[in-house]
Amino acid sequence: MNIYQGESTRRTFLARIPAVGLASALPLVLTEPGLCEDAQAKKSASKKRDKGPRLELSLVQDFVGVAHRDFDRVKELLEAHPTLVNAAHDWGGGDWETGLGAAAHMGRRDIALYLLDHRARLDVFAAAMLGKLDVVKASVAAFPETPKVPGPHGISLIRHAEAGGPEAKEVLDYLRSLEKA
């Protein structure tokens, strides 16, 4: 009897297969109509999470560019395109930069805090500029080479702390102490 004739269930299908032939029939079990519908539906649903359309490269470049200097334009662009908050622009040569990264090395605390309030991903460079000593210390404790890792445009962690002004003085002092050690 053909296994595809009539209504088939997993139990009746498997009952028709001799134990020796089970391994060779396994692909049929997995593809038999109706046998694994729930598993297949769950698998395809998890893969189909709609992320929306790709952002235009020029839009990302504009956003990252204005995040260096123009708070009003950052707010305008982010309101129109909320997914820009974590978009990164590739300047070439492995130099990736987000709006938060741009604000951080320019010392634009206002822009950085606005982006963080809108779910930007905090990194150690922004933390240094913002004076978040606990975050910087934790990063250095976990990864001692952190102070030597270049940020966007190759700008060092200590330069980010310098850009933070008085609010980042403790971070700057801490990073300087590491240079002496």
N, C-alpha and C. Protein backbone atom coordinates (compact mmCIF):
# COMPACT_ATOMS: atom_id res chain seq x y z
N MET A 1 0.84 -1.18 0.00
CA MET A 1 0.00 0.00 0.00
C MET A 1 0.89 1.24 0.00
N ASN A 2 0.57 2.19 -0.83
CA ASN A 2 1.32 3.44 -0.91
C ASN A 2 1.07 4.26 0.35
N ILE A 3 2.13 4.75 0.95
CA ILE A 3 1.98 5.50 2.20
C ILE A 3 1.26 6.82 1.99
N TYR A 4 1.17 7.28 0.77
CA TYR A 4 0.50 8.55 0.50
C TYR A 4 -0.97 8.38 0.13
N GLN A 5 -1.47 7.12 0.06
CA GLN A 5 -2.88 6.90 -0.27
C GLN A 5 -3.72 7.09 0.97
N GLY A 6 -4.83 7.75 0.81
CA GLY A 6 -5.74 7.94 1.93
C GLY A 6 -5.18 8.92 2.94
N GLU A 7 -5.85 9.02 4.08
CA GLU A 7 -5.41 9.93 5.13
C GLU A 7 -4.31 9.26 5.95
N SER A 8 -3.25 9.97 6.16
CA SER A 8 -2.12 9.40 6.88
C SER A 8 -1.86 10.20 8.14
N THR A 9 -1.56 9.52 9.20
CA THR A 9 -1.13 10.17 10.43
C THR A 9 0.27 9.67 10.72
N ARG A 10 0.93 10.35 11.62
CA ARG A 10 2.28 9.94 11.98
C ARG A 10 2.26 8.51 12.50
N ARG A 11 1.29 8.18 13.33
CA ARG A 11 1.23 6.84 13.93
C ARG A 11 1.03 5.77 12.85
N THR A 12 0.09 5.98 11.93
CA THR A 12 -0.15 4.97 10.90
C THR A 12 1.00 4.91 9.93
N PHE A 13 1.60 6.03 9.65
CA PHE A 13 2.75 6.05 8.75
C PHE A 13 3.91 5.26 9.33
N LEU A 14 4.24 5.53 10.59
CA LEU A 14 5.35 4.83 11.22
C LEU A 14 5.07 3.35 11.41
N ALA A 15 3.80 2.99 11.61
CA ALA A 15 3.45 1.57 11.79
C ALA A 15 3.70 0.78 10.52
N ARG A 16 3.69 1.44 9.37
CA ARG A 16 3.88 0.76 8.09
C ARG A 16 5.35 0.54 7.75
N ILE A 17 6.26 1.14 8.51
CA ILE A 17 7.68 1.07 8.18
C ILE A 17 8.34 0.02 9.07
N PRO A 18 9.02 -0.94 8.47
CA PRO A 18 9.76 -1.90 9.30
C PRO A 18 10.87 -1.16 10.05
N ALA A 19 11.21 -1.63 11.24
CA ALA A 19 12.20 -0.97 12.09
C ALA A 19 13.52 -0.76 11.36
N VAL A 20 13.91 -1.69 10.53
CA VAL A 20 15.18 -1.58 9.82
C VAL A 20 15.14 -0.42 8.83
N GLY A 21 14.01 -0.17 8.25
CA GLY A 21 13.91 0.88 7.24
C GLY A 21 13.58 2.25 7.80
N LEU A 22 13.46 2.37 9.11
CA LEU A 22 13.07 3.62 9.73
C LEU A 22 14.03 4.76 9.40
N ALA A 23 15.32 4.50 9.48
CA ALA A 23 16.30 5.55 9.21
C ALA A 23 16.18 6.06 7.78
N SER A 24 15.97 5.17 6.84
CA SER A 24 15.87 5.60 5.45
C SER A 24 14.54 6.31 5.18
N ALA A 25 13.55 6.07 6.01
CA ALA A 25 12.25 6.70 5.81
C ALA A 25 12.13 8.02 6.56
N LEU A 26 13.09 8.36 7.40
CA LEU A 26 13.02 9.57 8.20
C LEU A 26 12.79 10.83 7.37
N PRO A 27 13.46 10.99 6.22
CA PRO A 27 13.15 12.17 5.41
C PRO A 27 11.69 12.24 5.00
N LEU A 28 11.06 11.09 4.77
CA LEU A 28 9.64 11.08 4.42
C LEU A 28 8.79 11.50 5.59
N VAL A 29 9.18 11.08 6.80
CA VAL A 29 8.44 11.46 8.00
C VAL A 29 8.46 12.98 8.15
N LEU A 30 9.61 13.56 7.91
CA LEU A 30 9.75 15.00 8.09
C LEU A 30 9.07 15.81 7.01
N THR A 31 8.84 15.20 5.84
CA THR A 31 8.22 15.95 4.75
C THR A 31 6.79 15.50 4.46
N GLU A 32 6.32 14.44 5.07
CA GLU A 32 4.96 13.94 4.86
C GLU A 32 3.98 15.06 5.19
N PRO A 33 3.06 15.37 4.28
CA PRO A 33 2.09 16.45 4.52
C PRO A 33 1.31 16.22 5.81
N GLY A 34 1.27 17.27 6.65
CA GLY A 34 0.50 17.22 7.88
C GLY A 34 1.21 16.64 9.07
N LEU A 35 2.35 15.98 8.86
CA LEU A 35 3.00 15.32 9.99
C LEU A 35 3.74 16.30 10.90
N CYS A 36 4.35 17.28 10.35
CA CYS A 36 5.15 18.20 11.16
C CYS A 36 4.72 19.64 10.94
N GLU A 37 3.45 19.85 10.67
CA GLU A 37 2.99 21.20 10.34
C GLU A 37 3.26 22.19 11.46
N ASP A 38 3.01 21.78 12.71
CA ASP A 38 3.23 22.70 13.82
C ASP A 38 4.69 23.11 13.91
N ALA A 39 5.59 22.16 13.82
CA ALA A 39 7.02 22.47 13.92
C ALA A 39 7.47 23.35 12.76
N GLN A 40 6.98 23.02 11.55
CA GLN A 40 7.37 23.83 10.39
C GLN A 40 6.79 25.23 10.48
N ALA A 41 5.58 25.37 10.96
CA ALA A 41 4.95 26.69 11.09
C ALA A 41 5.71 27.54 12.10
N LYS A 42 6.10 26.93 13.23
CA LYS A 42 6.85 27.68 14.24
C LYS A 42 8.20 28.12 13.70
N LYS A 43 8.87 27.24 12.97
CA LYS A 43 10.18 27.56 12.41
C LYS A 43 10.09 28.71 11.41
N SER A 44 9.13 28.65 10.51
CA SER A 44 9.04 29.71 9.50
C SER A 44 8.56 31.01 10.11
N ALA A 45 7.73 30.97 11.14
CA ALA A 45 7.27 32.20 11.80
C ALA A 45 8.42 32.90 12.49
N SER A 46 9.34 32.14 13.08
CA SER A 46 10.47 32.76 13.76
C SER A 46 11.44 33.41 12.77
N LYS A 47 11.49 32.91 11.54
CA LYS A 47 12.39 33.47 10.54
C LYS A 47 11.79 34.69 9.85
N LYS A 48 10.49 34.91 9.95
CA LYS A 48 9.82 35.94 9.18
C LYS A 48 9.60 37.24 9.94
N ARG A 49 10.32 37.48 11.03
CA ARG A 49 10.16 38.72 11.78
C ARG A 49 10.43 39.89 10.84
N ASP A 50 9.42 40.70 10.61
CA ASP A 50 9.54 41.82 9.68
C ASP A 50 10.34 42.94 10.32
N LYS A 51 11.47 43.24 9.74
CA LYS A 51 12.33 44.31 10.24
C LYS A 51 12.07 45.61 9.51
N GLY A 52 11.24 45.58 8.50
CA GLY A 52 10.98 46.76 7.70
C GLY A 52 12.01 46.91 6.61
N PRO A 53 11.86 47.93 5.80
CA PRO A 53 12.79 48.11 4.68
C PRO A 53 14.15 48.59 5.16
N ARG A 54 15.17 48.37 4.34
CA ARG A 54 16.51 48.87 4.64
C ARG A 54 16.49 50.39 4.61
N LEU A 55 17.29 50.97 5.46
CA LEU A 55 17.45 52.42 5.44
C LEU A 55 18.34 52.81 4.26
N GLU A 56 18.04 53.90 3.64
CA GLU A 56 18.86 54.41 2.55
C GLU A 56 20.23 54.81 3.11
N LEU A 57 21.29 54.42 2.41
CA LEU A 57 22.64 54.74 2.87
C LEU A 57 22.85 56.24 3.04
N SER A 58 22.29 57.04 2.13
CA SER A 58 22.45 58.48 2.22
C SER A 58 21.75 59.05 3.46
N LEU A 59 20.63 58.44 3.84
CA LEU A 59 19.91 58.87 5.04
C LEU A 59 20.73 58.57 6.29
N VAL A 60 21.32 57.38 6.35
CA VAL A 60 22.17 57.00 7.48
C VAL A 60 23.37 57.93 7.56
N GLN A 61 24.00 58.19 6.43
CA GLN A 61 25.16 59.09 6.41
C GLN A 61 24.77 60.49 6.89
N ASP A 62 23.63 60.97 6.44
CA ASP A 62 23.15 62.29 6.86
C ASP A 62 22.91 62.31 8.37
N PHE A 63 22.25 61.27 8.87
CA PHE A 63 21.96 61.21 10.31
C PHE A 63 23.24 61.20 11.14
N VAL A 64 24.16 60.33 10.78
CA VAL A 64 25.42 60.25 11.53
C VAL A 64 26.17 61.58 11.40
N GLY A 65 26.15 62.16 10.23
CA GLY A 65 26.83 63.44 10.03
C GLY A 65 26.27 64.54 10.91
N VAL A 66 24.95 64.67 10.96
CA VAL A 66 24.36 65.74 11.77
C VAL A 66 24.46 65.45 13.26
N ALA A 67 24.61 64.18 13.64
CA ALA A 67 24.76 63.84 15.06
C ALA A 67 26.07 64.38 15.64
N HIS A 68 26.98 64.80 14.79
CA HIS A 68 28.21 65.45 15.25
C HIS A 68 27.93 66.86 15.78
N ARG A 69 26.80 67.50 15.30
CA ARG A 69 26.69 68.93 15.57
C ARG A 69 25.28 69.51 15.67
N ASP A 70 24.25 68.86 15.14
CA ASP A 70 22.96 69.52 14.96
C ASP A 70 21.84 68.78 15.69
N PHE A 71 21.60 69.18 16.93
CA PHE A 71 20.61 68.52 17.77
C PHE A 71 19.21 68.58 17.16
N ASP A 72 18.80 69.73 16.65
CA ASP A 72 17.46 69.86 16.07
C ASP A 72 17.26 68.91 14.88
N ARG A 73 18.26 68.82 14.03
CA ARG A 73 18.16 67.93 12.85
C ARG A 73 18.14 66.46 13.28
N VAL A 74 18.90 66.12 14.32
CA VAL A 74 18.89 64.75 14.84
C VAL A 74 17.47 64.40 15.29
N LYS A 75 16.84 65.29 16.05
CA LYS A 75 15.48 65.05 16.52
C LYS A 75 14.51 64.89 15.34
N GLU A 76 14.65 65.75 14.36
CA GLU A 76 13.78 65.70 13.18
C GLU A 76 13.92 64.38 12.43
N LEU A 77 15.16 63.98 12.18
CA LEU A 77 15.39 62.72 11.45
C LEU A 77 14.94 61.51 12.25
N LEU A 78 15.21 61.52 13.54
CA LEU A 78 14.85 60.37 14.37
C LEU A 78 13.33 60.26 14.52
N GLU A 79 12.65 61.38 14.55
CA GLU A 79 11.19 61.34 14.61
C GLU A 79 10.62 60.73 13.33
N ALA A 80 11.19 61.08 12.20
CA ALA A 80 10.72 60.56 10.92
C ALA A 80 11.14 59.11 10.69
N HIS A 81 12.30 58.72 11.23
CA HIS A 81 12.88 57.39 10.99
C HIS A 81 13.46 56.85 12.29
N PRO A 82 12.64 56.34 13.21
CA PRO A 82 13.13 55.88 14.52
C PRO A 82 14.23 54.82 14.46
N THR A 83 14.28 54.02 13.38
CA THR A 83 15.30 52.98 13.31
C THR A 83 16.69 53.53 13.04
N LEU A 84 16.79 54.82 12.78
CA LEU A 84 18.12 55.43 12.62
C LEU A 84 18.91 55.42 13.93
N VAL A 85 18.23 55.26 15.05
CA VAL A 85 18.88 55.40 16.35
C VAL A 85 20.12 54.52 16.49
N ASN A 86 20.12 53.34 15.90
CA ASN A 86 21.27 52.44 15.99
C ASN A 86 21.91 52.15 14.63
N ALA A 87 21.53 52.91 13.64
CA ALA A 87 22.11 52.72 12.31
C ALA A 87 23.57 53.16 12.33
N ALA A 88 24.41 52.44 11.60
CA ALA A 88 25.83 52.75 11.54
C ALA A 88 26.23 53.04 10.10
N HIS A 89 27.05 54.05 9.95
CA HIS A 89 27.56 54.39 8.62
C HIS A 89 28.99 53.88 8.49
N ASP A 90 29.30 53.32 7.34
CA ASP A 90 30.63 52.80 7.05
C ASP A 90 31.40 53.88 6.29
N TRP A 91 32.34 54.51 6.97
CA TRP A 91 33.16 55.55 6.35
C TRP A 91 34.29 54.93 5.52
N GLY A 92 34.43 53.62 5.61
CA GLY A 92 35.49 52.92 4.86
C GLY A 92 36.60 52.46 5.79
N GLY A 93 37.28 51.45 5.38
CA GLY A 93 38.42 50.95 6.15
C GLY A 93 38.05 50.43 7.53
N GLY A 94 36.83 49.97 7.70
CA GLY A 94 36.41 49.44 9.00
C GLY A 94 36.00 50.53 9.99
N ASP A 95 35.85 51.75 9.52
CA ASP A 95 35.47 52.88 10.37
C ASP A 95 33.95 53.04 10.36
N TRP A 96 33.29 52.34 11.27
CA TRP A 96 31.84 52.39 11.41
C TRP A 96 31.49 53.39 12.51
N GLU A 97 30.42 54.14 12.28
CA GLU A 97 30.02 55.14 13.26
C GLU A 97 28.50 55.25 13.33
N THR A 98 27.98 55.33 14.54
CA THR A 98 26.57 55.56 14.78
C THR A 98 26.38 57.03 15.16
N GLY A 99 25.13 57.45 15.25
CA GLY A 99 24.85 58.80 15.72
C GLY A 99 25.39 59.01 17.12
N LEU A 100 25.25 58.01 17.98
CA LEU A 100 25.78 58.11 19.34
C LEU A 100 27.30 58.23 19.32
N GLY A 101 27.94 57.46 18.46
CA GLY A 101 29.39 57.54 18.34
C GLY A 101 29.84 58.92 17.89
N ALA A 102 29.10 59.51 16.97
CA ALA A 102 29.42 60.86 16.48
C ALA A 102 29.27 61.88 17.61
N ALA A 103 28.16 61.82 18.32
CA ALA A 103 27.94 62.74 19.42
C ALA A 103 28.99 62.57 20.50
N ALA A 104 29.40 61.33 20.75
CA ALA A 104 30.35 61.06 21.83
C ALA A 104 31.71 61.69 21.58
N HIS A 105 32.28 61.51 20.40
CA HIS A 105 33.63 62.06 20.22
C HIS A 105 33.63 63.57 20.02
N MET A 106 32.43 64.13 19.76
CA MET A 106 32.32 65.58 19.65
C MET A 106 31.93 66.24 20.97
N GLY A 107 31.71 65.44 21.99
CA GLY A 107 31.32 65.99 23.29
C GLY A 107 29.90 66.53 23.31
N ARG A 108 29.05 66.02 22.44
CA ARG A 108 27.67 66.50 22.36
C ARG A 108 26.79 65.69 23.31
N ARG A 109 26.92 66.02 24.58
CA ARG A 109 26.17 65.36 25.64
C ARG A 109 24.66 65.41 25.36
N ASP A 110 24.16 66.55 24.92
CA ASP A 110 22.73 66.71 24.66
C ASP A 110 22.23 65.70 23.62
N ILE A 111 22.98 65.58 22.55
CA ILE A 111 22.60 64.64 21.48
C ILE A 111 22.72 63.20 21.98
N ALA A 112 23.81 62.90 22.68
CA ALA A 112 24.03 61.54 23.19
C ALA A 112 22.91 61.13 24.14
N LEU A 113 22.55 61.99 25.06
CA LEU A 113 21.49 61.65 26.02
C LEU A 113 20.14 61.49 25.31
N TYR A 114 19.88 62.31 24.34
CA TYR A 114 18.65 62.19 23.56
C TYR A 114 18.60 60.82 22.85
N LEU A 115 19.69 60.45 22.22
CA LEU A 115 19.74 59.16 21.52
C LEU A 115 19.59 58.00 22.50
N LEU A 116 20.23 58.10 23.64
CA LEU A 116 20.10 57.04 24.65
C LEU A 116 18.66 56.95 25.16
N ASP A 117 18.01 58.09 25.31
CA ASP A 117 16.60 58.09 25.71
C ASP A 117 15.70 57.46 24.66
N HIS A 118 16.22 57.37 23.43
CA HIS A 118 15.46 56.76 22.34
C HIS A 118 16.02 55.39 21.96
N ARG A 119 16.66 54.73 22.91
CA ARG A 119 17.13 53.34 22.82
C ARG A 119 18.37 53.12 21.97
N ALA A 120 19.24 54.11 21.95
CA ALA A 120 20.55 53.88 21.32
C ALA A 120 21.32 52.88 22.20
N ARG A 121 22.20 52.12 21.57
CA ARG A 121 23.01 51.14 22.30
C ARG A 121 24.23 51.86 22.89
N LEU A 122 24.30 51.86 24.20
CA LEU A 122 25.42 52.50 24.89
C LEU A 122 26.70 51.74 24.62
N ASP A 123 27.77 52.46 24.31
CA ASP A 123 29.09 51.83 24.18
C ASP A 123 30.05 52.52 25.14
N VAL A 124 31.22 51.96 25.29
CA VAL A 124 32.18 52.48 26.27
C VAL A 124 32.67 53.87 25.90
N PHE A 125 32.70 54.21 24.63
CA PHE A 125 33.16 55.54 24.19
C PHE A 125 32.15 56.62 24.62
N ALA A 126 30.88 56.35 24.41
CA ALA A 126 29.84 57.28 24.86
C ALA A 126 29.83 57.35 26.39
N ALA A 127 29.99 56.21 27.04
CA ALA A 127 30.03 56.19 28.51
C ALA A 127 31.18 57.06 29.03
N ALA A 128 32.33 56.98 28.38
CA ALA A 128 33.48 57.81 28.80
C ALA A 128 33.16 59.29 28.66
N MET A 129 32.60 59.68 27.52
CA MET A 129 32.26 61.08 27.29
C MET A 129 31.22 61.56 28.29
N LEU A 130 30.28 60.70 28.65
CA LEU A 130 29.21 61.07 29.57
C LEU A 130 29.63 61.00 31.04
N GLY A 131 30.84 60.56 31.29
CA GLY A 131 31.34 60.50 32.67
C GLY A 131 30.83 59.31 33.45
N LYS A 132 30.48 58.25 32.79
CA LYS A 132 29.96 57.04 33.44
C LYS A 132 31.13 56.15 33.88
N LEU A 133 31.76 56.54 34.97
CA LEU A 133 32.97 55.87 35.45
C LEU A 133 32.73 54.39 35.73
N ASP A 134 31.58 54.05 36.31
CA ASP A 134 31.31 52.64 36.61
C ASP A 134 31.27 51.78 35.35
N VAL A 135 30.73 52.32 34.28
CA VAL A 135 30.67 51.57 33.02
C VAL A 135 32.07 51.40 32.43
N VAL A 136 32.85 52.46 32.45
CA VAL A 136 34.21 52.40 31.90
C VAL A 136 35.05 51.44 32.73
N LYS A 137 34.98 51.54 34.05
CA LYS A 137 35.75 50.63 34.91
C LYS A 137 35.35 49.17 34.69
N ALA A 138 34.06 48.91 34.56
CA ALA A 138 33.60 47.54 34.33
C ALA A 138 34.13 47.01 33.01
N SER A 139 34.13 47.85 31.99
CA SER A 139 34.63 47.43 30.68
C SER A 139 36.13 47.12 30.76
N VAL A 140 36.87 47.98 31.42
CA VAL A 140 38.32 47.77 31.55
C VAL A 140 38.61 46.53 32.40
N ALA A 141 37.81 46.30 33.45
CA ALA A 141 38.01 45.12 34.29
C ALA A 141 37.76 43.84 33.49
N ALA A 142 36.74 43.87 32.65
CA ALA A 142 36.40 42.69 31.85
C ALA A 142 37.35 42.51 30.67
N PHE A 143 37.77 43.62 30.09
CA PHE A 143 38.63 43.60 28.91
C PHE A 143 39.73 44.66 29.08
N PRO A 144 40.85 44.28 29.67
CA PRO A 144 41.92 45.24 30.00
C PRO A 144 42.45 46.05 28.82
N GLU A 145 42.28 45.58 27.60
CA GLU A 145 42.78 46.31 26.44
C GLU A 145 41.82 47.43 25.99
N THR A 146 40.69 47.56 26.65
CA THR A 146 39.68 48.55 26.26
C THR A 146 40.26 49.95 26.01
N PRO A 147 41.12 50.47 26.87
CA PRO A 147 41.64 51.83 26.62
C PRO A 147 42.45 51.97 25.32
N LYS A 148 42.91 50.86 24.79
CA LYS A 148 43.71 50.88 23.56
C LYS A 148 42.88 50.65 22.30
N VAL A 149 41.59 50.34 22.47
CA VAL A 149 40.73 50.06 21.32
C VAL A 149 40.32 51.38 20.68
N PRO A 150 40.54 51.52 19.38
CA PRO A 150 40.14 52.78 18.73
C PRO A 150 38.63 52.86 18.54
N GLY A 151 38.09 54.04 18.72
CA GLY A 151 36.67 54.28 18.48
C GLY A 151 36.46 54.74 17.05
N PRO A 152 35.30 55.33 16.77
CA PRO A 152 35.06 55.86 15.43
C PRO A 152 36.18 56.84 15.02
N HIS A 153 36.58 56.75 13.79
CA HIS A 153 37.66 57.58 13.21
C HIS A 153 39.00 57.35 13.92
N GLY A 154 39.12 56.25 14.67
CA GLY A 154 40.36 55.95 15.37
C GLY A 154 40.55 56.78 16.63
N ILE A 155 39.52 57.46 17.08
CA ILE A 155 39.63 58.34 18.26
C ILE A 155 39.65 57.49 19.52
N SER A 156 40.61 57.77 20.38
CA SER A 156 40.84 56.96 21.58
C SER A 156 39.77 57.19 22.65
N LEU A 157 39.74 56.28 23.58
CA LEU A 157 38.82 56.37 24.71
C LEU A 157 39.13 57.60 25.56
N ILE A 158 40.42 57.88 25.74
CA ILE A 158 40.79 59.04 26.55
C ILE A 158 40.35 60.35 25.88
N ARG A 159 40.40 60.39 24.56
CA ARG A 159 39.94 61.60 23.84
C ARG A 159 38.42 61.76 23.99
N HIS A 160 37.70 60.67 24.05
CA HIS A 160 36.26 60.75 24.30
C HIS A 160 36.00 61.33 25.69
N ALA A 161 36.77 60.89 26.67
CA ALA A 161 36.62 61.43 28.03
C ALA A 161 36.97 62.92 28.04
N GLU A 162 38.00 63.31 27.33
CA GLU A 162 38.36 64.73 27.25
C GLU A 162 37.22 65.54 26.63
N ALA A 163 36.58 64.98 25.62
CA ALA A 163 35.47 65.67 24.96
C ALA A 163 34.28 65.86 25.90
N GLY A 164 34.21 65.05 26.94
CA GLY A 164 33.10 65.12 27.89
C GLY A 164 33.17 66.29 28.85
N GLY A 165 34.31 66.97 28.88
CA GLY A 165 34.43 68.14 29.75
C GLY A 165 34.36 67.80 31.23
N PRO A 166 33.91 68.76 32.02
CA PRO A 166 33.90 68.57 33.49
C PRO A 166 33.11 67.35 33.96
N GLU A 167 32.03 67.00 33.25
CA GLU A 167 31.21 65.84 33.65
C GLU A 167 31.97 64.52 33.51
N ALA A 168 33.04 64.52 32.73
CA ALA A 168 33.81 63.29 32.50
C ALA A 168 35.17 63.33 33.16
N LYS A 169 35.40 64.28 34.06
CA LYS A 169 36.71 64.43 34.70
C LYS A 169 37.17 63.16 35.44
N GLU A 170 36.27 62.53 36.17
CA GLU A 170 36.64 61.31 36.90
C GLU A 170 37.07 60.20 35.93
N VAL A 171 36.38 60.07 34.83
CA VAL A 171 36.74 59.06 33.82
C VAL A 171 38.10 59.40 33.24
N LEU A 172 38.32 60.67 32.92
CA LEU A 172 39.60 61.10 32.36
C LEU A 172 40.73 60.82 33.34
N ASP A 173 40.54 61.15 34.61
CA ASP A 173 41.57 60.87 35.63
C ASP A 173 41.84 59.37 35.73
N TYR A 174 40.80 58.57 35.70
CA TYR A 174 40.94 57.11 35.77
C TYR A 174 41.74 56.60 34.57
N LEU A 175 41.39 57.02 33.38
CA LEU A 175 42.10 56.57 32.18
C LEU A 175 43.56 57.03 32.18
N ARG A 176 43.81 58.23 32.64
CA ARG A 176 45.20 58.71 32.75
C ARG A 176 45.99 57.87 33.75
N SER A 177 45.34 57.46 34.83
CA SER A 177 46.03 56.62 35.81
C SER A 177 46.43 55.27 35.21
N LEU A 178 45.65 54.79 34.28
CA LEU A 178 45.98 53.52 33.61
C LEU A 178 47.19 53.67 32.70
N GLU A 179 47.35 54.85 32.12
CA GLU A 179 48.51 55.09 31.24
C GLU A 179 49.80 55.07 32.03
N LYS A 180 49.74 55.51 33.29
CA LYS A 180 50.94 55.57 34.14
C LYS A 180 51.30 54.21 34.71
N ALA A 181 50.31 53.34 34.79
CA ALA A 181 50.56 52.03 35.41
C ALA A 181 51.33 51.10 34.51
